[in-house]
């Protein structure tokens, strides 16, 4: 077994990590076309957090360093049309 110190995630930590992902555009709803991007970003943040990088700002910078600029926070039009049709809203 490794002697390295690993932080255990609690619900508050997971909420913070989800916020970092959302702010960078890695929202599971927006990542429908490329779920592998969301998974890779989530795994990176969890790994960095477990090994001591616990600041949301540091994690955001690490995400940008590894994957580039944040993804657009706007959902793709195809997702918006699908969501609208499912929710019964106007389809654009």
PDB file of N, CA and C in Angstrom:
ATOM      1  N   UNK A   1       0.841  -1.175   0.000  1.00  0.00           N
ATOM      2  CA  UNK A   1       0.000   0.000   0.000  1.00  0.00           C
ATOM      3  C   UNK A   1       0.887   1.239   0.000  1.00  0.00           C
ATOM      4  N   UNK A   2       0.474   2.242  -0.694  1.00  0.00           N
ATOM      5  CA  UNK A   2       1.236   3.482  -0.807  1.00  0.00           C
ATOM      6  C   UNK A   2       1.229   4.242   0.517  1.00  0.00           C
ATOM      7  N   UNK A   3       2.348   4.888   0.822  1.00  0.00           N
ATOM      8  CA  UNK A   3       2.424   5.667   2.061  1.00  0.00           C
ATOM      9  C   UNK A   3       2.068   7.135   1.825  1.00  0.00           C
ATOM     10  N   UNK A   4       1.662   7.489   0.596  1.00  0.00           N
ATOM     11  CA  UNK A   4       1.304   8.864   0.287  1.00  0.00           C
ATOM     12  C   UNK A   4      -0.009   9.227   0.964  1.00  0.00           C
ATOM     13  N   UNK A   5      -0.132  10.498   1.350  1.00  0.00           N
ATOM     14  CA  UNK A   5      -1.347  10.991   1.982  1.00  0.00           C
ATOM     15  C   UNK A   5      -2.379  11.295   0.895  1.00  0.00           C
ATOM     16  N   UNK A   6      -3.559  10.710   0.997  1.00  0.00           N
ATOM     17  CA  UNK A   6      -4.625  10.938   0.035  1.00  0.00           C
ATOM     18  C   UNK A   6      -5.816  11.517   0.779  1.00  0.00           C
ATOM     19  N   UNK A   7      -6.346  12.666   0.286  1.00  0.00           N
ATOM     20  CA  UNK A   7      -7.529  13.282   0.887  1.00  0.00           C
ATOM     21  C   UNK A   7      -8.774  12.494   0.490  1.00  0.00           C
ATOM     22  N   UNK A   8      -9.636  12.257   1.453  1.00  0.00           N
ATOM     23  CA  UNK A   8     -10.906  11.593   1.190  1.00  0.00           C
ATOM     24  C   UNK A   8     -11.925  12.677   0.849  1.00  0.00           C
ATOM     25  N   UNK A   9     -12.694  12.470  -0.205  1.00  0.00           N
ATOM     26  CA  UNK A   9     -13.692  13.443  -0.650  1.00  0.00           C
ATOM     27  C   UNK A   9     -14.974  13.319   0.158  1.00  0.00           C
ATOM     28  N   UNK A  10     -15.503  14.449   0.574  1.00  0.00           N
ATOM     29  CA  UNK A  10     -16.812  14.467   1.213  1.00  0.00           C
ATOM     30  C   UNK A  10     -17.781  15.220   0.295  1.00  0.00           C
ATOM     31  N   UNK A  11     -19.043  15.352   0.675  1.00  0.00           N
ATOM     32  CA  UNK A  11     -20.033  15.971  -0.210  1.00  0.00           C
ATOM     33  C   UNK A  11     -19.707  17.428  -0.501  1.00  0.00           C
ATOM     34  N   UNK A  12     -19.157  18.148   0.471  1.00  0.00           N
ATOM     35  CA  UNK A  12     -18.778  19.549   0.240  1.00  0.00           C
ATOM     36  C   UNK A  12     -17.660  19.636  -0.805  1.00  0.00           C
ATOM     37  N   UNK A  13     -16.707  18.716  -0.724  1.00  0.00           N
ATOM     38  CA  UNK A  13     -15.614  18.682  -1.705  1.00  0.00           C
ATOM     39  C   UNK A  13     -16.154  18.388  -3.102  1.00  0.00           C
ATOM     40  N   UNK A  14     -17.054  17.429  -3.205  1.00  0.00           N
ATOM     41  CA  UNK A  14     -17.633  17.081  -4.499  1.00  0.00           C
ATOM     42  C   UNK A  14     -18.425  18.242  -5.085  1.00  0.00           C
ATOM     43  N   UNK A  15     -19.118  18.975  -4.239  1.00  0.00           N
ATOM     44  CA  UNK A  15     -19.861  20.146  -4.700  1.00  0.00           C
ATOM     45  C   UNK A  15     -18.899  21.202  -5.243  1.00  0.00           C
ATOM     46  N   UNK A  16     -17.789  21.413  -4.560  1.00  0.00           N
ATOM     47  CA  UNK A  16     -16.781  22.374  -5.020  1.00  0.00           C
ATOM     48  C   UNK A  16     -16.188  21.927  -6.350  1.00  0.00           C
ATOM     49  N   UNK A  17     -15.864  20.640  -6.472  1.00  0.00           N
ATOM     50  CA  UNK A  17     -15.296  20.126  -7.723  1.00  0.00           C
ATOM     51  C   UNK A  17     -16.298  20.266  -8.868  1.00  0.00           C
ATOM     52  N   UNK A  18     -17.556  19.993  -8.600  1.00  0.00           N
ATOM     53  CA  UNK A  18     -18.588  20.161  -9.625  1.00  0.00           C
ATOM     54  C   UNK A  18     -18.687  21.629 -10.044  1.00  0.00           C
ATOM     55  N   UNK A  19     -18.549  22.533  -9.082  1.00  0.00           N
ATOM     56  CA  UNK A  19     -18.570  23.962  -9.399  1.00  0.00           C
ATOM     57  C   UNK A  19     -17.412  24.366 -10.293  1.00  0.00           C
ATOM     58  N   UNK A  20     -16.234  23.808 -10.033  1.00  0.00           N
ATOM     59  CA  UNK A  20     -15.057  24.087 -10.871  1.00  0.00           C
ATOM     60  C   UNK A  20     -15.313  23.579 -12.286  1.00  0.00           C
ATOM     61  N   UNK A  21     -15.843  22.372 -12.395  1.00  0.00           N
ATOM     62  CA  UNK A  21     -16.156  21.809 -13.710  1.00  0.00           C
ATOM     63  C   UNK A  21     -17.203  22.653 -14.434  1.00  0.00           C
ATOM     64  N   UNK A  22     -18.261  23.036 -13.733  1.00  0.00           N
ATOM     65  CA  UNK A  22     -19.317  23.849 -14.339  1.00  0.00           C
ATOM     66  C   UNK A  22     -18.783  25.191 -14.820  1.00  0.00           C
ATOM     67  N   UNK A  23     -17.969  25.833 -13.991  1.00  0.00           N
ATOM     68  CA  UNK A  23     -17.419  27.148 -14.355  1.00  0.00           C
ATOM     69  C   UNK A  23     -16.546  27.062 -15.600  1.00  0.00           C
ATOM     70  N   UNK A  24     -15.915  25.919 -15.806  1.00  0.00           N
ATOM     71  CA  UNK A  24     -15.059  25.732 -16.980  1.00  0.00           C
ATOM     72  C   UNK A  24     -15.848  25.191 -18.174  1.00  0.00           C
ATOM     73  N   UNK A  25     -17.150  24.994 -18.011  1.00  0.00           N
ATOM     74  CA  UNK A  25     -17.975  24.508 -19.109  1.00  0.00           C
ATOM     75  C   UNK A  25     -18.063  23.003 -19.198  1.00  0.00           C
ATOM     76  N   UNK A  26     -17.511  22.301 -18.216  1.00  0.00           N
ATOM     77  CA  UNK A  26     -17.572  20.839 -18.211  1.00  0.00           C
ATOM     78  C   UNK A  26     -18.785  20.392 -17.411  1.00  0.00           C
ATOM     79  N   UNK A  27     -19.949  20.722 -17.909  1.00  0.00           N
ATOM     80  CA  UNK A  27     -21.195  20.336 -17.281  1.00  0.00           C
ATOM     81  C   UNK A  27     -21.674  19.069 -17.959  1.00  0.00           C
ATOM     82  N   UNK A  28     -22.129  18.103 -17.211  1.00  0.00           N
ATOM     83  CA  UNK A  28     -22.537  16.830 -17.813  1.00  0.00           C
ATOM     84  C   UNK A  28     -23.631  17.018 -18.856  1.00  0.00           C
ATOM     85  N   UNK A  29     -24.523  17.976 -18.660  1.00  0.00           N
ATOM     86  CA  UNK A  29     -25.574  18.230 -19.644  1.00  0.00           C
ATOM     87  C   UNK A  29     -24.998  18.840 -20.919  1.00  0.00           C
ATOM     88  N   UNK A  30     -23.997  19.695 -20.797  1.00  0.00           N
ATOM     89  CA  UNK A  30     -23.383  20.325 -21.961  1.00  0.00           C
ATOM     90  C   UNK A  30     -22.389  19.399 -22.643  1.00  0.00           C
ATOM     91  N   UNK A  31     -21.983  18.346 -21.973  1.00  0.00           N
ATOM     92  CA  UNK A  31     -20.959  17.447 -22.502  1.00  0.00           C
ATOM     93  C   UNK A  31     -21.559  16.211 -23.165  1.00  0.00           C
ATOM     94  N   UNK A  32     -22.819  16.296 -23.579  1.00  0.00           N
ATOM     95  CA  UNK A  32     -23.491  15.165 -24.183  1.00  0.00           C
ATOM     96  C   UNK A  32     -22.753  14.701 -25.446  1.00  0.00           C
ATOM     97  N   UNK A  33     -22.285  15.639 -26.258  1.00  0.00           N
ATOM     98  CA  UNK A  33     -21.610  15.279 -27.508  1.00  0.00           C
ATOM     99  C   UNK A  33     -20.237  14.660 -27.264  1.00  0.00           C
ATOM    100  N   UNK A  34     -19.567  15.045 -26.176  1.00  0.00           N
ATOM    101  CA  UNK A  34     -18.218  14.559 -25.889  1.00  0.00           C
ATOM    102  C   UNK A  34     -18.080  14.195 -24.412  1.00  0.00           C
ATOM    103  N   UNK A  35     -18.737  13.122 -23.978  1.00  0.00           N
ATOM    104  CA  UNK A  35     -18.687  12.762 -22.555  1.00  0.00           C
ATOM    105  C   UNK A  35     -17.278  12.441 -22.070  1.00  0.00           C
ATOM    106  N   UNK A  36     -16.390  12.038 -22.984  1.00  0.00           N
ATOM    107  CA  UNK A  36     -15.020  11.712 -22.578  1.00  0.00           C
ATOM    108  C   UNK A  36     -14.292  12.949 -22.054  1.00  0.00           C
ATOM    109  N   UNK A  37     -14.627  14.123 -22.565  1.00  0.00           N
ATOM    110  CA  UNK A  37     -14.009  15.362 -22.056  1.00  0.00           C
ATOM    111  C   UNK A  37     -14.407  15.598 -20.610  1.00  0.00           C
ATOM    112  N   UNK A  38     -15.691  15.414 -20.326  1.00  0.00           N
ATOM    113  CA  UNK A  38     -16.181  15.600 -18.962  1.00  0.00           C
ATOM    114  C   UNK A  38     -15.519  14.602 -18.024  1.00  0.00           C
ATOM    115  N   UNK A  39     -15.441  13.348 -18.446  1.00  0.00           N
ATOM    116  CA  UNK A  39     -14.838  12.308 -17.606  1.00  0.00           C
ATOM    117  C   UNK A  39     -13.368  12.588 -17.343  1.00  0.00           C
ATOM    118  N   UNK A  40     -12.634  12.971 -18.374  1.00  0.00           N
ATOM    119  CA  UNK A  40     -11.205  13.250 -18.215  1.00  0.00           C
ATOM    120  C   UNK A  40     -10.986  14.444 -17.290  1.00  0.00           C
ATOM    121  N   UNK A  41     -11.798  15.480 -17.443  1.00  0.00           N
ATOM    122  CA  UNK A  41     -11.664  16.664 -16.593  1.00  0.00           C
ATOM    123  C   UNK A  41     -12.005  16.328 -15.140  1.00  0.00           C
ATOM    124  N   UNK A  42     -13.068  15.562 -14.938  1.00  0.00           N
ATOM    125  CA  UNK A  42     -13.469  15.179 -13.582  1.00  0.00           C
ATOM    126  C   UNK A  42     -12.394  14.326 -12.918  1.00  0.00           C
ATOM    127  N   UNK A  43     -11.853  13.368 -13.661  1.00  0.00           N
ATOM    128  CA  UNK A  43     -10.804  12.504 -13.105  1.00  0.00           C
ATOM    129  C   UNK A  43      -9.568  13.311 -12.735  1.00  0.00           C
ATOM    130  N   UNK A  44      -9.199  14.256 -13.584  1.00  0.00           N
ATOM    131  CA  UNK A  44      -8.039  15.095 -13.296  1.00  0.00           C
ATOM    132  C   UNK A  44      -8.248  15.870 -11.997  1.00  0.00           C
ATOM    133  N   UNK A  45      -9.421  16.507 -11.862  1.00  0.00           N
ATOM    134  CA  UNK A  45      -9.681  17.296 -10.654  1.00  0.00           C
ATOM    135  C   UNK A  45      -9.694  16.429  -9.404  1.00  0.00           C
ATOM    136  N   UNK A  46     -10.299  15.269  -9.481  1.00  0.00           N
ATOM    137  CA  UNK A  46     -10.342  14.385  -8.317  1.00  0.00           C
ATOM    138  C   UNK A  46      -8.935  13.948  -7.932  1.00  0.00           C
ATOM    139  N   UNK A  47      -8.141  13.596  -8.924  1.00  0.00           N
ATOM    140  CA  UNK A  47      -6.760  13.182  -8.632  1.00  0.00           C
ATOM    141  C   UNK A  47      -5.976  14.318  -7.982  1.00  0.00           C
ATOM    142  N   UNK A  48      -6.053  15.509  -8.564  1.00  0.00           N
ATOM    143  CA  UNK A  48      -5.308  16.648  -8.010  1.00  0.00           C
ATOM    144  C   UNK A  48      -5.785  16.974  -6.587  1.00  0.00           C
ATOM    145  N   UNK A  49      -7.101  16.905  -6.384  1.00  0.00           N
ATOM    146  CA  UNK A  49      -7.652  17.193  -5.060  1.00  0.00           C
ATOM    147  C   UNK A  49      -7.154  16.177  -4.043  1.00  0.00           C
ATOM    148  N   UNK A  50      -7.191  14.918  -4.408  1.00  0.00           N
ATOM    149  CA  UNK A  50      -6.787  13.867  -3.472  1.00  0.00           C
ATOM    150  C   UNK A  50      -5.317  13.982  -3.071  1.00  0.00           C
ATOM    151  N   UNK A  51      -4.511  14.558  -3.934  1.00  0.00           N
ATOM    152  CA  UNK A  51      -3.090  14.708  -3.620  1.00  0.00           C
ATOM    153  C   UNK A  51      -2.736  16.092  -3.121  1.00  0.00           C
ATOM    154  N   UNK A  52      -3.760  16.857  -2.681  1.00  0.00           N
ATOM    155  CA  UNK A  52      -3.482  18.080  -1.953  1.00  0.00           C
ATOM    156  C   UNK A  52      -3.831  19.405  -2.596  1.00  0.00           C
ATOM    157  N   UNK A  53      -4.236  19.435  -3.846  1.00  0.00           N
ATOM    158  CA  UNK A  53      -4.611  20.692  -4.492  1.00  0.00           C
ATOM    159  C   UNK A  53      -6.094  20.924  -4.194  1.00  0.00           C
ATOM    160  N   UNK A  54      -6.392  21.644  -3.115  1.00  0.00           N
ATOM    161  CA  UNK A  54      -7.766  21.764  -2.645  1.00  0.00           C
ATOM    162  C   UNK A  54      -8.404  23.126  -2.894  1.00  0.00           C
ATOM    163  N   UNK A  55      -7.681  24.055  -3.496  1.00  0.00           N
ATOM    164  CA  UNK A  55      -8.225  25.377  -3.803  1.00  0.00           C
ATOM    165  C   UNK A  55      -8.961  25.338  -5.136  1.00  0.00           C
ATOM    166  N   UNK A  56     -10.178  25.879  -5.161  1.00  0.00           N
ATOM    167  CA  UNK A  56     -10.952  25.926  -6.404  1.00  0.00           C
ATOM    168  C   UNK A  56     -10.212  26.716  -7.482  1.00  0.00           C
ATOM    169  N   UNK A  57      -9.565  27.804  -7.100  1.00  0.00           N
ATOM    170  CA  UNK A  57      -8.814  28.602  -8.070  1.00  0.00           C
ATOM    171  C   UNK A  57      -7.644  27.813  -8.648  1.00  0.00           C
ATOM    172  N   UNK A  58      -6.909  27.119  -7.792  1.00  0.00           N
ATOM    173  CA  UNK A  58      -5.786  26.303  -8.266  1.00  0.00           C
ATOM    174  C   UNK A  58      -6.276  25.188  -9.189  1.00  0.00           C
ATOM    175  N   UNK A  59      -7.383  24.565  -8.825  1.00  0.00           N
ATOM    176  CA  UNK A  59      -7.932  23.492  -9.651  1.00  0.00           C
ATOM    177  C   UNK A  59      -8.402  24.023 -11.006  1.00  0.00           C
ATOM    178  N   UNK A  60      -8.996  25.206 -11.013  1.00  0.00           N
ATOM    179  CA  UNK A  60      -9.423  25.821 -12.275  1.00  0.00           C
ATOM    180  C   UNK A  60      -8.226  26.083 -13.173  1.00  0.00           C
ATOM    181  N   UNK A  61      -7.156  26.602 -12.596  1.00  0.00           N
ATOM    182  CA  UNK A  61      -5.945  26.869 -13.381  1.00  0.00           C
ATOM    183  C   UNK A  61      -5.337  25.558 -13.906  1.00  0.00           C
ATOM    184  N   UNK A  62      -5.371  24.520 -13.086  1.00  0.00           N
ATOM    185  CA  UNK A  62      -4.835  23.226 -13.503  1.00  0.00           C
ATOM    186  C   UNK A  62      -5.663  22.642 -14.653  1.00  0.00           C
ATOM    187  N   UNK A  63      -6.963  22.792 -14.571  1.00  0.00           N
ATOM    188  CA  UNK A  63      -7.843  22.328 -15.637  1.00  0.00           C
ATOM    189  C   UNK A  63      -7.531  23.064 -16.936  1.00  0.00           C
ATOM    190  N   UNK A  64      -7.353  24.366 -16.854  1.00  0.00           N
ATOM    191  CA  UNK A  64      -7.015  25.160 -18.037  1.00  0.00           C
ATOM    192  C   UNK A  64      -5.626  24.798 -18.558  1.00  0.00           C
ATOM    193  N   UNK A  65      -4.684  24.554 -17.661  1.00  0.00           N
ATOM    194  CA  UNK A  65      -3.324  24.199 -18.066  1.00  0.00           C
ATOM    195  C   UNK A  65      -3.314  22.878 -18.841  1.00  0.00           C
ATOM    196  N   UNK A  66      -4.102  21.923 -18.361  1.00  0.00           N
ATOM    197  CA  UNK A  66      -4.110  20.600 -18.987  1.00  0.00           C
ATOM    198  C   UNK A  66      -5.001  20.504 -20.231  1.00  0.00           C
ATOM    199  N   UNK A  67      -6.117  21.250 -20.251  1.00  0.00           N
ATOM    200  CA  UNK A  67      -7.093  21.093 -21.329  1.00  0.00           C
ATOM    201  C   UNK A  67      -7.343  22.359 -22.139  1.00  0.00           C
ATOM    202  N   UNK A  68      -6.662  23.440 -21.817  1.00  0.00           N
ATOM    203  CA  UNK A  68      -6.856  24.679 -22.569  1.00  0.00           C
ATOM    204  C   UNK A  68      -7.960  25.540 -22.000  1.00  0.00           C
ATOM    205  N   UNK A  69      -8.346  26.520 -22.790  1.00  0.00           N
ATOM    206  CA  UNK A  69      -9.369  27.482 -22.377  1.00  0.00           C
ATOM    207  C   UNK A  69     -10.667  26.782 -21.993  1.00  0.00           C
ATOM    208  N   UNK A  70     -11.419  27.400 -21.080  1.00  0.00           N
ATOM    209  CA  UNK A  70     -12.704  26.810 -20.698  1.00  0.00           C
ATOM    210  C   UNK A  70     -13.614  26.622 -21.901  1.00  0.00           C
ATOM    211  N   UNK A  71     -14.420  25.602 -21.838  1.00  0.00           N
ATOM    212  CA  UNK A  71     -15.419  25.336 -22.867  1.00  0.00           C
ATOM    213  C   UNK A  71     -16.500  26.404 -22.736  1.00  0.00           C
ATOM    214  N   UNK A  72     -17.109  26.750 -23.844  1.00  0.00           N
ATOM    215  CA  UNK A  72     -18.197  27.722 -23.812  1.00  0.00           C
ATOM    216  C   UNK A  72     -19.261  27.276 -22.824  1.00  0.00           C
ATOM    217  N   UNK A  73     -19.762  28.241 -22.067  1.00  0.00           N
ATOM    218  CA  UNK A  73     -20.794  27.904 -21.087  1.00  0.00           C
ATOM    219  C   UNK A  73     -22.164  27.754 -21.740  1.00  0.00           C
ATOM    220  N   UNK A  74     -22.274  28.084 -23.027  1.00  0.00           N
ATOM    221  CA  UNK A  74     -23.546  27.925 -23.729  1.00  0.00           C
ATOM    222  C   UNK A  74     -23.703  26.484 -24.194  1.00  0.00           C
ATOM    223  N   UNK A  75     -24.879  25.970 -24.041  1.00  0.00           N
ATOM    224  CA  UNK A  75     -25.179  24.622 -24.532  1.00  0.00           C
ATOM    225  C   UNK A  75     -25.259  24.663 -26.054  1.00  0.00           C
ATOM    226  N   UNK A  76     -24.870  23.584 -26.716  1.00  0.00           N
ATOM    227  CA  UNK A  76     -24.995  23.558 -28.171  1.00  0.00           C
ATOM    228  C   UNK A  76     -26.460  23.647 -28.575  1.00  0.00           C
ATOM    229  N   UNK A  77     -26.761  24.254 -29.726  1.00  0.00           N
ATOM    230  CA  UNK A  77     -28.164  24.403 -30.160  1.00  0.00           C
ATOM    231  C   UNK A  77     -28.916  23.081 -30.227  1.00  0.00           C
ATOM    232  N   UNK A  78     -28.247  22.015 -30.656  1.00  0.00           N
ATOM    233  CA  UNK A  78     -28.932  20.723 -30.746  1.00  0.00           C
ATOM    234  C   UNK A  78     -29.389  20.236 -29.372  1.00  0.00           C
ATOM    235  N   UNK A  79     -28.566  20.477 -28.349  1.00  0.00           N
ATOM    236  CA  UNK A  79     -28.956  20.090 -26.994  1.00  0.00           C
ATOM    237  C   UNK A  79     -30.142  20.925 -26.522  1.00  0.00           C
ATOM    238  N   UNK A  80     -30.106  22.224 -26.805  1.00  0.00           N
ATOM    239  CA  UNK A  80     -31.198  23.104 -26.385  1.00  0.00           C
ATOM    240  C   UNK A  80     -32.514  22.693 -27.055  1.00  0.00           C
ATOM    241  N   UNK A  81     -32.477  22.333 -28.337  1.00  0.00           N
ATOM    242  CA  UNK A  81     -33.697  21.889 -29.034  1.00  0.00           C
ATOM    243  C   UNK A  81     -34.227  20.601 -28.417  1.00  0.00           C
ATOM    244  N   UNK A  82     -33.332  19.667 -28.144  1.00  0.00           N
ATOM    245  CA  UNK A  82     -33.745  18.394 -27.544  1.00  0.00           C
ATOM    246  C   UNK A  82     -34.339  18.625 -26.161  1.00  0.00           C
ATOM    247  N   UNK A  83     -33.666  19.457 -25.368  1.00  0.00           N
ATOM    248  CA  UNK A  83     -34.172  19.740 -24.019  1.00  0.00           C
ATOM    249  C   UNK A  83     -35.548  20.406 -24.102  1.00  0.00           C
ATOM    250  N   UNK A  84     -35.714  21.360 -25.004  1.00  0.00           N
ATOM    251  CA  UNK A  84     -36.984  22.060 -25.140  1.00  0.00           C
ATOM    252  C   UNK A  84     -38.104  21.104 -25.547  1.00  0.00           C
ATOM    253  N   UNK A  85     -37.798  20.181 -26.453  1.00  0.00           N
ATOM    254  CA  UNK A  85     -38.832  19.249 -26.887  1.00  0.00           C
ATOM    255  C   UNK A  85     -39.222  18.284 -25.768  1.00  0.00           C
ATOM    256  N   UNK A  86     -38.261  17.891 -24.953  1.00  0.00           N
ATOM    257  CA  UNK A  86     -38.540  16.990 -23.833  1.00  0.00           C
ATOM    258  C   UNK A  86     -39.327  17.710 -22.745  1.00  0.00           C
ATOM    259  N   UNK A  87     -38.954  18.957 -22.481  1.00  0.00           N
ATOM    260  CA  UNK A  87     -39.600  19.729 -21.418  1.00  0.00           C
ATOM    261  C   UNK A  87     -40.901  20.378 -21.876  1.00  0.00           C
ATOM    262  N   UNK A  88     -41.195  20.306 -23.168  1.00  0.00           N
ATOM    263  CA  UNK A  88     -42.436  20.871 -23.666  1.00  0.00           C
ATOM    264  C   UNK A  88     -42.351  22.355 -23.930  1.00  0.00           C
ATOM    265  N   UNK A  89     -41.154  22.896 -24.003  1.00  0.00           N
ATOM    266  CA  UNK A  89     -40.978  24.320 -24.285  1.00  0.00           C
ATOM    267  C   UNK A  89     -40.922  24.579 -25.776  1.00  0.00           C
ATOM    268  N   UNK A  90     -40.800  25.858 -26.141  1.00  0.00           N
ATOM    269  CA  UNK A  90     -40.708  26.192 -27.558  1.00  0.00           C
ATOM    270  C   UNK A  90     -39.387  25.693 -28.146  1.00  0.00           C
ATOM    271  N   UNK A  91     -39.463  25.057 -29.298  1.00  0.00           N
ATOM    272  CA  UNK A  91     -38.286  24.536 -29.980  1.00  0.00           C
ATOM    273  C   UNK A  91     -37.812  25.601 -30.960  1.00  0.00           C
ATOM    274  N   UNK A  92     -36.545  25.976 -30.837  1.00  0.00           N
ATOM    275  CA  UNK A  92     -36.001  27.023 -31.721  1.00  0.00           C
ATOM    276  C   UNK A  92     -35.204  26.449 -32.835  1.00  0.00           C
TER     277      UNK A  92
END
